[in-house]
Amino acid sequence: MSEPIQAPAEPEVLLERRGSAGLIILNRPRALNALTLTMVRAMRQALDAWAVDPGVTRVVVTGAGGRAFCAGGDIRVLHDLGKAGRHAEALQFWREEYELNILIKRYPKPYVSLIDGIVMGGGVGVSINGSHVVAGEKFVFAMPEVGIGFFPDVGGTYFLPRIPGEIGAYFALTGERMKQGDALSTGLATHATASSRFEELREALCGRETVDLVLEGFAHASTVPATVTARRAAIDACFRFDTVEEVMAALGTAAEAGDAWCGETLTTMRTKSPTSMKLALAQVRAGRSMDFEEAMKTEFRIVSRICHGHDFYEGVRAVIIDKDNAPRWQPAAVEAVTPAMVAAHFAPLGESELVAPPVPRS
């Protein structure tokens, strides 16, 4: 009996020249389009080629499946590599991912991300760092890394401290979500468009009209309220400090005075990795004065230490593998994470430093 013929696997990322656009479709819908090293390399190769192709005047990036643009990196794979002692392989993913983030940030042509669903972690790196970000009505942004013993990377060191007030620190320390209205009011999204028009917008962007004119023609005011920025006064008051202990104390004081939201926020923070929160606040503060390449270099220093630590593997176990949502952090208390422990994550790597790739010029 002959063996059944298996259909070839779908490519993880679809790349196409369509009109004047280079079109990228992240194509792992069952995994919420989570990034793999294969996807990172395919995007890098296409972007390098399109940068010098006079027939391509813009890049348009979307996610397949309707639920997510990209929910992050393939964290389970990275967890398994680290647990097996294959740290160099895990770090190769992060190195190439960060190089891709730099390329996107410095890309010589318009880079348009169409986001109508979940965008988190690594998905943020291949979207928010581009020149144009269009948020649909189903847009949901988060940097939830402190909940799995990680830190808000892929450029978070750069873009989080540039959000008005202390909202960036709030997102870094809580992992809370942002929707369409907040995306516009914080500047993380450049435009809002009705979800029903996303397909039409993508096709229009493949034409010859300039990107800005096309986006202006489709843009409208957000239909989703800005709930986070509506609380900016409380966020600025409680998250203005340079230590996590002071932030949590301010939230506790406000909660005792009757602010239920501050009490809920404090409860949320108490579930996160103490080490991750300390790293996140330190990177947001340091990132204020960094350029993008320096921020990415810093993030590679941090991840090079995290992948040899404890909390990342414990967080992934608790949230993604066993799903008991009961991580046993080490250290378990915020006060036990010393400044020296935090500083060690930021120390230079010598010959292993991240080196910014050359950006091709059109």
Foldseek 3Di string as FASTA:
>chain_A
DDDDDDDDDDDQWDWDQFAQETEIEREDVVQLSADDLSSLVVVVVSLQVLQPDPSHQEYEAAYPDQAHRYQEHPLVVLLVCLVVVNNVVSLVSLLSLLLSLLLQLPRQHAYEYETQHEQEYSSLLNHLSTDAYEYEQRYKYAHQVLLQLAFRASQLLAVLLQFPANVSLLRRLQRDIWHDQQCCNRVSHPFYAYPVCSVVLVNVVSHDDDPVVSRVVGGDHHPDHGPSVVCRVLSNQLRVDQAPVSSLVSLVVVVVVPDVVSVVSSVSSLLGALLRSNLHSVSNVVSVPDDRVVSNLQSSLLVSVSSNDDRNSQSCCCCPNVVVSRGCHVVSDNVVCDPVNSVNSRDDDPPPTRDHDDHDHD
